[in-house]
Amino acid sequence: MAWVVGTGLLLGLLLITMGTATLRTGWIVPTARRHVTRPPLHGLGNLLMGASLVLQSLLYFGALPSVSWEARFYGGNALLLGGMLLLLVSQLLPLRSSRDHA
């Protein structure tokens, strides 16, 4: 079971890295570039999903103080669902109209 949680930890760190890159530079993975209309929301969604996976893994391995399973379950799912909703919104919102303020 530890290898499954370790894989989740690595994926969470990858999501956090991609979210940070998106927020700082606007870079998005090439496969998602065509769909994303709001890069900052996409970056925040990646950060929330990555934080959920990393926190769940650290709690499993005992690196953080133990909390009840209910707090772990509901807290992790809230972060994961919030991140997924931000990713969805970042792809569904229409493009902003660019206005030249000359």
N, C-alpha and C. Protein backbone atom coordinates (compact mmCIF):
# COMPACT_ATOMS: atom_id res chain seq x y z
N MET A 1 0.81 -1.20 0.00
CA MET A 1 0.00 0.00 0.00
C MET A 1 0.85 1.26 0.00
N ALA A 2 2.05 1.16 0.54
CA ALA A 2 2.91 2.35 0.63
C ALA A 2 3.32 2.86 -0.75
N TRP A 3 3.45 1.96 -1.72
CA TRP A 3 3.85 2.41 -3.05
C TRP A 3 2.74 3.23 -3.71
N VAL A 4 1.48 2.92 -3.40
CA VAL A 4 0.36 3.69 -3.95
C VAL A 4 0.37 5.11 -3.38
N VAL A 5 0.59 5.20 -2.08
CA VAL A 5 0.64 6.51 -1.43
C VAL A 5 1.87 7.28 -1.88
N GLY A 6 2.99 6.59 -2.06
CA GLY A 6 4.20 7.24 -2.57
C GLY A 6 4.01 7.78 -3.98
N THR A 7 3.29 7.03 -4.81
CA THR A 7 2.99 7.51 -6.15
C THR A 7 2.10 8.75 -6.09
N GLY A 8 1.12 8.75 -5.19
CA GLY A 8 0.29 9.93 -5.00
C GLY A 8 1.09 11.13 -4.55
N LEU A 9 2.09 10.89 -3.70
CA LEU A 9 2.96 11.97 -3.24
C LEU A 9 3.74 12.57 -4.41
N LEU A 10 4.29 11.72 -5.26
CA LEU A 10 5.04 12.21 -6.42
C LEU A 10 4.13 12.98 -7.39
N LEU A 11 2.93 12.48 -7.62
CA LEU A 11 1.99 13.19 -8.49
C LEU A 11 1.57 14.52 -7.88
N GLY A 12 1.40 14.55 -6.56
CA GLY A 12 1.07 15.81 -5.89
C GLY A 12 2.18 16.83 -6.03
N LEU A 13 3.43 16.39 -5.88
CA LEU A 13 4.55 17.32 -6.06
C LEU A 13 4.64 17.81 -7.50
N LEU A 14 4.33 16.95 -8.46
CA LEU A 14 4.32 17.36 -9.86
C LEU A 14 3.21 18.40 -10.10
N LEU A 15 2.03 18.20 -9.53
CA LEU A 15 0.94 19.17 -9.67
C LEU A 15 1.30 20.51 -9.04
N ILE A 16 1.94 20.48 -7.89
CA ILE A 16 2.35 21.72 -7.24
C ILE A 16 3.37 22.46 -8.10
N THR A 17 4.29 21.71 -8.69
CA THR A 17 5.30 22.33 -9.57
C THR A 17 4.64 22.96 -10.79
N MET A 18 3.71 22.24 -11.41
CA MET A 18 3.03 22.78 -12.58
C MET A 18 2.16 23.99 -12.22
N GLY A 19 1.50 23.94 -11.07
CA GLY A 19 0.69 25.08 -10.64
C GLY A 19 1.53 26.31 -10.36
N THR A 20 2.68 26.11 -9.75
CA THR A 20 3.58 27.24 -9.48
C THR A 20 4.10 27.83 -10.79
N ALA A 21 4.46 26.97 -11.73
CA ALA A 21 4.94 27.46 -13.03
C ALA A 21 3.85 28.22 -13.77
N THR A 22 2.63 27.76 -13.66
CA THR A 22 1.52 28.44 -14.33
C THR A 22 1.26 29.80 -13.70
N LEU A 23 1.29 29.88 -12.38
CA LEU A 23 1.03 31.16 -11.72
C LEU A 23 2.16 32.16 -11.95
N ARG A 24 3.40 31.70 -11.97
CA ARG A 24 4.52 32.64 -12.10
C ARG A 24 4.79 33.05 -13.54
N THR A 25 4.65 32.13 -14.48
CA THR A 25 5.03 32.43 -15.86
C THR A 25 3.89 32.34 -16.85
N GLY A 26 2.78 31.72 -16.49
CA GLY A 26 1.68 31.52 -17.42
C GLY A 26 1.85 30.29 -18.29
N TRP A 27 2.87 29.47 -18.00
CA TRP A 27 3.13 28.27 -18.78
C TRP A 27 2.13 27.18 -18.41
N ILE A 28 1.59 26.52 -19.43
CA ILE A 28 0.65 25.41 -19.23
C ILE A 28 1.16 24.23 -20.04
N VAL A 29 0.89 23.04 -19.56
CA VAL A 29 1.30 21.82 -20.26
C VAL A 29 0.76 21.88 -21.70
N PRO A 30 1.57 21.51 -22.69
CA PRO A 30 1.13 21.66 -24.08
C PRO A 30 -0.19 20.96 -24.42
N THR A 31 -0.50 19.86 -23.77
CA THR A 31 -1.74 19.16 -24.08
C THR A 31 -2.97 19.91 -23.59
N ALA A 32 -2.82 20.83 -22.64
CA ALA A 32 -3.95 21.57 -22.09
C ALA A 32 -4.04 23.00 -22.60
N ARG A 33 -3.04 23.46 -23.33
CA ARG A 33 -3.00 24.86 -23.76
C ARG A 33 -4.22 25.27 -24.58
N ARG A 34 -4.67 24.40 -25.44
CA ARG A 34 -5.76 24.74 -26.32
C ARG A 34 -7.08 24.94 -25.56
N HIS A 35 -7.23 24.29 -24.42
CA HIS A 35 -8.49 24.31 -23.70
C HIS A 35 -8.57 25.38 -22.62
N VAL A 36 -7.45 25.77 -22.05
CA VAL A 36 -7.44 26.67 -20.90
C VAL A 36 -7.58 28.12 -21.36
N THR A 37 -8.58 28.81 -20.78
CA THR A 37 -8.78 30.22 -21.10
C THR A 37 -8.35 31.14 -19.97
N ARG A 38 -8.21 30.61 -18.76
CA ARG A 38 -7.80 31.40 -17.60
C ARG A 38 -6.65 30.69 -16.88
N PRO A 39 -5.40 30.99 -17.27
CA PRO A 39 -4.25 30.32 -16.65
C PRO A 39 -4.14 30.49 -15.14
N PRO A 40 -4.44 31.66 -14.54
CA PRO A 40 -4.32 31.73 -13.08
C PRO A 40 -5.26 30.76 -12.34
N LEU A 41 -6.47 30.60 -12.83
CA LEU A 41 -7.38 29.63 -12.20
C LEU A 41 -6.86 28.21 -12.37
N HIS A 42 -6.28 27.94 -13.52
CA HIS A 42 -5.71 26.62 -13.77
C HIS A 42 -4.55 26.34 -12.80
N GLY A 43 -3.71 27.34 -12.58
CA GLY A 43 -2.60 27.18 -11.64
C GLY A 43 -3.07 26.96 -10.21
N LEU A 44 -4.09 27.72 -9.79
CA LEU A 44 -4.63 27.52 -8.43
C LEU A 44 -5.26 26.14 -8.27
N GLY A 45 -5.94 25.68 -9.31
CA GLY A 45 -6.52 24.34 -9.26
C GLY A 45 -5.46 23.27 -9.12
N ASN A 46 -4.36 23.42 -9.87
CA ASN A 46 -3.25 22.47 -9.74
C ASN A 46 -2.66 22.50 -8.33
N LEU A 47 -2.52 23.70 -7.77
CA LEU A 47 -1.96 23.80 -6.41
C LEU A 47 -2.87 23.13 -5.38
N LEU A 48 -4.17 23.33 -5.48
CA LEU A 48 -5.09 22.71 -4.52
C LEU A 48 -5.08 21.19 -4.64
N MET A 49 -5.11 20.70 -5.86
CA MET A 49 -5.10 19.24 -6.04
C MET A 49 -3.78 18.64 -5.56
N GLY A 50 -2.68 19.30 -5.87
CA GLY A 50 -1.38 18.81 -5.41
C GLY A 50 -1.26 18.84 -3.90
N ALA A 51 -1.77 19.91 -3.27
CA ALA A 51 -1.72 20.00 -1.80
C ALA A 51 -2.53 18.88 -1.17
N SER A 52 -3.67 18.55 -1.77
CA SER A 52 -4.48 17.46 -1.24
C SER A 52 -3.72 16.14 -1.27
N LEU A 53 -3.09 15.84 -2.39
CA LEU A 53 -2.36 14.58 -2.50
C LEU A 53 -1.15 14.53 -1.57
N VAL A 54 -0.43 15.64 -1.48
CA VAL A 54 0.76 15.66 -0.62
C VAL A 54 0.37 15.54 0.86
N LEU A 55 -0.65 16.28 1.28
CA LEU A 55 -1.07 16.20 2.68
C LEU A 55 -1.57 14.81 3.05
N GLN A 56 -2.34 14.21 2.17
CA GLN A 56 -2.82 12.85 2.45
C GLN A 56 -1.64 11.87 2.58
N SER A 57 -0.65 12.03 1.72
CA SER A 57 0.51 11.13 1.78
C SER A 57 1.33 11.35 3.04
N LEU A 58 1.55 12.61 3.41
CA LEU A 58 2.33 12.89 4.61
C LEU A 58 1.61 12.41 5.86
N LEU A 59 0.29 12.52 5.88
CA LEU A 59 -0.47 12.01 7.03
C LEU A 59 -0.39 10.48 7.09
N TYR A 60 -0.41 9.82 5.94
CA TYR A 60 -0.32 8.36 5.91
C TYR A 60 1.02 7.88 6.44
N PHE A 61 2.10 8.55 6.03
CA PHE A 61 3.43 8.12 6.45
C PHE A 61 3.79 8.60 7.86
N GLY A 62 2.94 9.38 8.50
CA GLY A 62 3.17 9.83 9.86
C GLY A 62 4.13 11.00 9.97
N ALA A 63 4.34 11.72 8.90
CA ALA A 63 5.25 12.87 8.93
C ALA A 63 4.60 14.09 9.57
N LEU A 64 3.28 14.10 9.62
CA LEU A 64 2.53 15.19 10.26
C LEU A 64 1.80 14.64 11.48
N PRO A 65 1.44 15.51 12.42
CA PRO A 65 0.68 15.03 13.58
C PRO A 65 -0.62 14.36 13.14
N SER A 66 -0.96 13.32 13.83
CA SER A 66 -2.14 12.55 13.46
C SER A 66 -3.42 13.32 13.75
N VAL A 67 -4.34 13.24 12.83
CA VAL A 67 -5.68 13.81 13.00
C VAL A 67 -6.68 12.69 12.76
N SER A 68 -7.91 12.94 13.08
CA SER A 68 -8.93 11.90 12.91
C SER A 68 -9.12 11.58 11.43
N TRP A 69 -9.61 10.40 11.17
CA TRP A 69 -9.79 9.99 9.78
C TRP A 69 -10.86 10.82 9.09
N GLU A 70 -11.82 11.32 9.87
CA GLU A 70 -12.86 12.16 9.27
C GLU A 70 -12.27 13.46 8.75
N ALA A 71 -11.39 14.08 9.53
CA ALA A 71 -10.77 15.33 9.10
C ALA A 71 -9.89 15.10 7.88
N ARG A 72 -9.17 13.99 7.86
CA ARG A 72 -8.34 13.66 6.71
C ARG A 72 -9.20 13.42 5.47
N PHE A 73 -10.27 12.68 5.63
CA PHE A 73 -11.13 12.33 4.50
C PHE A 73 -11.83 13.56 3.93
N TYR A 74 -12.53 14.30 4.81
CA TYR A 74 -13.29 15.45 4.33
C TYR A 74 -12.38 16.61 3.89
N GLY A 75 -11.30 16.83 4.61
CA GLY A 75 -10.37 17.89 4.23
C GLY A 75 -9.68 17.61 2.90
N GLY A 76 -9.22 16.38 2.73
CA GLY A 76 -8.56 16.00 1.48
C GLY A 76 -9.52 16.06 0.30
N ASN A 77 -10.74 15.58 0.52
CA ASN A 77 -11.72 15.62 -0.57
C ASN A 77 -12.15 17.04 -0.90
N ALA A 78 -12.23 17.91 0.10
CA ALA A 78 -12.60 19.31 -0.17
C ALA A 78 -11.51 20.00 -0.99
N LEU A 79 -10.24 19.77 -0.66
CA LEU A 79 -9.15 20.35 -1.45
C LEU A 79 -9.14 19.80 -2.87
N LEU A 80 -9.32 18.50 -2.99
CA LEU A 80 -9.29 17.88 -4.30
C LEU A 80 -10.46 18.35 -5.16
N LEU A 81 -11.65 18.40 -4.59
CA LEU A 81 -12.82 18.84 -5.34
C LEU A 81 -12.73 20.32 -5.69
N GLY A 82 -12.23 21.13 -4.77
CA GLY A 82 -12.04 22.55 -5.06
C GLY A 82 -11.07 22.76 -6.21
N GLY A 83 -9.98 22.00 -6.23
CA GLY A 83 -9.02 22.09 -7.32
C GLY A 83 -9.61 21.66 -8.64
N MET A 84 -10.41 20.59 -8.62
CA MET A 84 -11.05 20.13 -9.85
C MET A 84 -12.05 21.15 -10.37
N LEU A 85 -12.78 21.80 -9.48
CA LEU A 85 -13.72 22.83 -9.91
C LEU A 85 -13.00 24.03 -10.52
N LEU A 86 -11.87 24.42 -9.94
CA LEU A 86 -11.10 25.52 -10.52
C LEU A 86 -10.56 25.15 -11.90
N LEU A 87 -10.11 23.91 -12.08
CA LEU A 87 -9.66 23.48 -13.40
C LEU A 87 -10.81 23.50 -14.40
N LEU A 88 -11.98 23.08 -13.98
CA LEU A 88 -13.15 23.10 -14.85
C LEU A 88 -13.53 24.52 -15.24
N VAL A 89 -13.55 25.41 -14.27
CA VAL A 89 -13.90 26.80 -14.54
C VAL A 89 -12.85 27.44 -15.46
N SER A 90 -11.58 27.08 -15.27
CA SER A 90 -10.53 27.68 -16.11
C SER A 90 -10.66 27.27 -17.57
N GLN A 91 -11.36 26.19 -17.83
CA GLN A 91 -11.53 25.74 -19.21
C GLN A 91 -12.88 26.13 -19.79
N LEU A 92 -13.88 26.38 -18.96
CA LEU A 92 -15.21 26.66 -19.46
C LEU A 92 -15.53 28.14 -19.63
N LEU A 93 -14.84 29.01 -18.91
CA LEU A 93 -15.11 30.43 -19.05
C LEU A 93 -14.67 30.90 -20.43
N PRO A 94 -15.43 31.82 -21.05
CA PRO A 94 -15.03 32.30 -22.38
C PRO A 94 -13.78 33.16 -22.30
N LEU A 95 -13.16 33.35 -23.43
CA LEU A 95 -11.98 34.20 -23.51
C LEU A 95 -12.35 35.64 -23.16
N ARG A 96 -11.43 36.32 -22.52
CA ARG A 96 -11.65 37.73 -22.21
C ARG A 96 -11.47 38.54 -23.48
N SER A 97 -12.32 39.55 -23.62
CA SER A 97 -12.15 40.43 -24.78
C SER A 97 -11.03 41.41 -24.47
N SER A 98 -10.11 41.54 -25.40
CA SER A 98 -8.98 42.45 -25.17
C SER A 98 -9.34 43.82 -25.72
N ARG A 99 -9.24 44.80 -24.87
CA ARG A 99 -9.55 46.17 -25.26
C ARG A 99 -8.25 46.98 -25.22
N ASP A 100 -7.99 47.68 -26.28
CA ASP A 100 -6.80 48.52 -26.32
C ASP A 100 -7.13 49.87 -25.71
N HIS A 101 -6.40 50.23 -24.69
CA HIS A 101 -6.59 51.51 -24.03
C HIS A 101 -5.52 52.47 -24.54
N ALA A 102 -5.75 53.04 -25.70
CA ALA A 102 -4.73 53.90 -26.32
C ALA A 102 -4.81 55.31 -25.88
